[in-house]
């Protein structure tokens, strides 16, 4: 009985640590945007910051006068894979979370964002574990939406003060 309780406590502690690591990782990525669908190699001529500015100017005319400060922009992973059917993603690290949220809101409202006529997606950047957890809910969301419901994911964060 004691061994079973001890094993259960250890398992609970491991799950709690994994959840805390995922929350920390998502918090670190909080200001990041993920751009999916930009052809590989175009950033060599223009630079990723310029491509991002073109996307904003071409798709969101109400945001084009806004100065967005970009801390970093990179492809992830950094190397090309000729066997990959889709281009690797671009990660844009914004200086302000509010800028990221304004861009995401505009992208959701427009729905079909393009770069030089090619459809692209702009989304928030999350850890792999968080994305996997969201994917597991997709089928349930489809059923609920089919019944004219509006399901939402509520993220609960725990804070422990010592």
Protein backbone atom coordinates (compact mmCIF):
# COMPACT_ATOMS: atom_id res chain seq x y z
CA UNK A 1 0.00 0.00 0.00
CA UNK A 2 2.81 2.43 0.90
CA UNK A 3 4.67 1.60 -2.31
CA UNK A 4 1.55 2.27 -4.37
CA UNK A 5 0.96 5.63 -2.64
CA UNK A 6 4.62 6.57 -3.01
CA UNK A 7 4.54 5.66 -6.71
CA UNK A 8 1.34 7.66 -7.20
CA UNK A 9 2.88 10.69 -5.44
CA UNK A 10 5.99 10.44 -7.62
CA UNK A 11 3.86 10.20 -10.75
CA UNK A 12 1.83 13.24 -9.67
CA UNK A 13 5.03 15.18 -8.96
CA UNK A 14 6.38 14.32 -12.43
CA UNK A 15 3.14 15.46 -14.09
CA UNK A 16 3.19 18.68 -12.08
CA UNK A 17 6.83 19.37 -13.07
CA UNK A 18 6.05 18.68 -16.74
CA UNK A 19 3.07 21.06 -16.59
CA UNK A 20 5.21 23.75 -14.92
CA UNK A 21 7.91 23.39 -17.59
CA UNK A 22 5.30 23.65 -20.36
CA UNK A 23 3.81 26.78 -18.75
CA UNK A 24 7.27 28.36 -18.40
CA UNK A 25 8.12 27.54 -22.02
CA UNK A 26 4.83 28.99 -23.26
CA UNK A 27 5.42 32.10 -21.16
CA UNK A 28 8.87 32.53 -22.73
CA UNK A 29 7.27 32.22 -26.18
CA UNK A 30 4.44 34.57 -25.20
CA UNK A 31 5.50 37.41 -27.52
CA UNK A 32 6.23 35.13 -30.49
CA UNK A 33 4.32 34.94 -33.77
CA UNK A 34 4.59 31.92 -36.04
CA UNK A 35 4.24 32.54 -39.78
CA UNK A 36 3.52 29.44 -41.84
CA UNK A 37 3.68 29.17 -45.62
CA UNK A 38 6.39 31.66 -46.68
CA UNK A 39 8.50 30.01 -49.42
CA UNK A 40 12.00 29.13 -48.28
CA UNK A 41 14.88 31.24 -49.50
CA UNK A 42 13.04 34.56 -50.04
CA UNK A 43 14.43 35.88 -46.75
CA UNK A 44 17.98 35.76 -48.14
CA UNK A 45 17.24 38.65 -50.51
CA UNK A 46 14.97 40.77 -48.33
CA UNK A 47 15.48 39.74 -44.72
CA UNK A 48 12.74 38.34 -42.52
CA UNK A 49 11.91 41.69 -40.91
CA UNK A 50 11.19 43.20 -44.35
CA UNK A 51 9.02 40.22 -45.31
CA UNK A 52 7.07 40.67 -42.08
CA UNK A 53 6.58 44.38 -42.85
CA UNK A 54 5.34 43.48 -46.37
CA UNK A 55 2.83 41.04 -44.88
CA UNK A 56 1.53 43.68 -42.47
CA UNK A 57 1.33 46.40 -45.16
CA UNK A 58 -0.30 44.11 -47.74
CA UNK A 59 -2.86 42.45 -45.48
CA UNK A 60 -3.63 44.86 -42.66
CA UNK A 61 -3.95 48.43 -43.96
CA UNK A 62 -5.22 49.63 -40.57
CA UNK A 63 -1.93 48.45 -38.94
CA UNK A 64 0.56 49.60 -41.59
CA UNK A 65 1.14 52.98 -39.91
CA UNK A 66 1.93 51.26 -36.62
CA UNK A 67 5.59 50.78 -35.71
CA UNK A 68 6.13 47.22 -34.55
CA UNK A 69 9.42 46.51 -32.81
CA UNK A 70 10.81 43.09 -33.70
CA UNK A 71 13.40 41.63 -31.33
CA UNK A 72 14.30 38.64 -33.48
CA UNK A 73 13.17 36.81 -36.61
CA UNK A 74 14.31 33.35 -37.70
CA UNK A 75 13.32 30.17 -39.50
CA UNK A 76 12.82 27.17 -37.29
CA UNK A 77 14.66 24.86 -37.55
CA UNK A 78 17.45 26.79 -39.22
CA UNK A 79 18.31 24.20 -41.89
CA UNK A 80 16.48 23.34 -45.10
CA UNK A 81 15.05 19.84 -45.55
CA UNK A 82 14.36 19.00 -49.22
CA UNK A 83 12.05 16.12 -48.20
CA UNK A 84 9.72 18.40 -46.21
CA UNK A 85 6.55 19.14 -48.24
CA UNK A 86 5.89 22.55 -46.66
CA UNK A 87 8.24 25.43 -45.91
CA UNK A 88 9.64 25.65 -42.42
CA UNK A 89 8.04 28.27 -40.21
CA UNK A 90 9.25 31.76 -39.42
CA UNK A 91 9.25 32.82 -35.78
CA UNK A 92 8.95 36.56 -35.11
CA UNK A 93 9.73 37.62 -31.55
CA UNK A 94 7.89 40.86 -30.86
CA UNK A 95 9.07 43.38 -28.27
CA UNK A 96 5.52 43.77 -26.92
CA UNK A 97 2.90 41.10 -26.35
CA UNK A 98 0.22 43.71 -27.14
CA UNK A 99 1.65 44.10 -30.67
CA UNK A 100 1.46 40.33 -31.19
CA UNK A 101 -2.13 40.26 -29.99
CA UNK A 102 -3.15 43.12 -32.31
CA UNK A 103 -1.64 41.32 -35.30
CA UNK A 104 -3.33 38.02 -34.36
CA UNK A 105 -6.67 39.77 -33.94
CA UNK A 106 -6.33 41.42 -37.38
CA UNK A 107 -5.34 38.04 -38.92
CA UNK A 108 -8.39 36.33 -37.38
CA UNK A 109 -10.68 39.07 -38.67
CA UNK A 110 -9.25 38.95 -42.21
CA UNK A 111 -9.12 35.11 -42.24
CA UNK A 112 -7.21 34.77 -45.54
CA UNK A 113 -3.76 36.32 -45.13
CA UNK A 114 -1.43 36.17 -48.16
CA UNK A 115 2.16 36.89 -49.13
CA UNK A 116 2.57 37.70 -52.83
CA UNK A 117 -0.64 35.84 -53.62
CA UNK A 118 0.29 32.74 -51.59
CA UNK A 119 -1.96 31.95 -48.62
CA UNK A 120 -0.10 31.98 -45.30
CA UNK A 121 -1.07 31.54 -41.66
CA UNK A 122 -0.13 33.70 -38.71
CA UNK A 123 -0.54 32.13 -35.29
CA UNK A 124 0.73 32.33 -31.74
CA UNK A 125 3.86 30.30 -31.01
CA UNK A 126 3.39 27.62 -28.36
CA UNK A 127 5.43 24.70 -27.04
CA UNK A 128 5.09 21.36 -28.81
CA UNK A 129 3.29 19.90 -25.79
CA UNK A 130 0.69 22.67 -25.76
CA UNK A 131 0.07 22.27 -29.50
CA UNK A 132 -0.34 18.50 -29.05
CA UNK A 133 -2.81 19.04 -26.21
CA UNK A 134 -4.82 21.40 -28.44
CA UNK A 135 -4.78 18.90 -31.32
CA UNK A 136 -6.30 16.28 -29.03
CA UNK A 137 -9.33 18.54 -28.53
CA UNK A 138 -9.94 19.23 -32.25
CA UNK A 139 -12.46 16.42 -32.79
CA UNK A 140 -14.45 17.46 -29.73
CA UNK A 141 -14.43 21.09 -30.94
CA UNK A 142 -15.74 20.01 -34.37
CA UNK A 143 -18.68 18.20 -32.79
CA UNK A 144 -19.50 21.15 -30.52
CA UNK A 145 -19.27 23.65 -33.39
CA UNK A 146 -21.54 21.37 -35.43
CA UNK A 147 -24.12 21.83 -32.67
CA UNK A 148 -23.81 25.65 -32.93
CA UNK A 149 -21.75 25.93 -29.76
CA UNK A 150 -18.68 28.12 -29.31
CA UNK A 151 -16.12 26.05 -27.39
CA UNK A 152 -13.12 27.81 -25.87
CA UNK A 153 -9.96 26.62 -24.13
CA UNK A 154 -9.52 28.04 -20.65
CA UNK A 155 -5.90 28.14 -19.59
CA UNK A 156 -5.44 27.87 -15.86
CA UNK A 157 -2.12 28.87 -14.39
CA UNK A 158 -1.02 28.02 -10.90
CA UNK A 159 1.12 30.32 -8.86
CA UNK A 160 2.74 29.22 -5.65
CA UNK A 161 4.09 31.86 -3.31
CA UNK A 162 6.73 30.92 -0.78
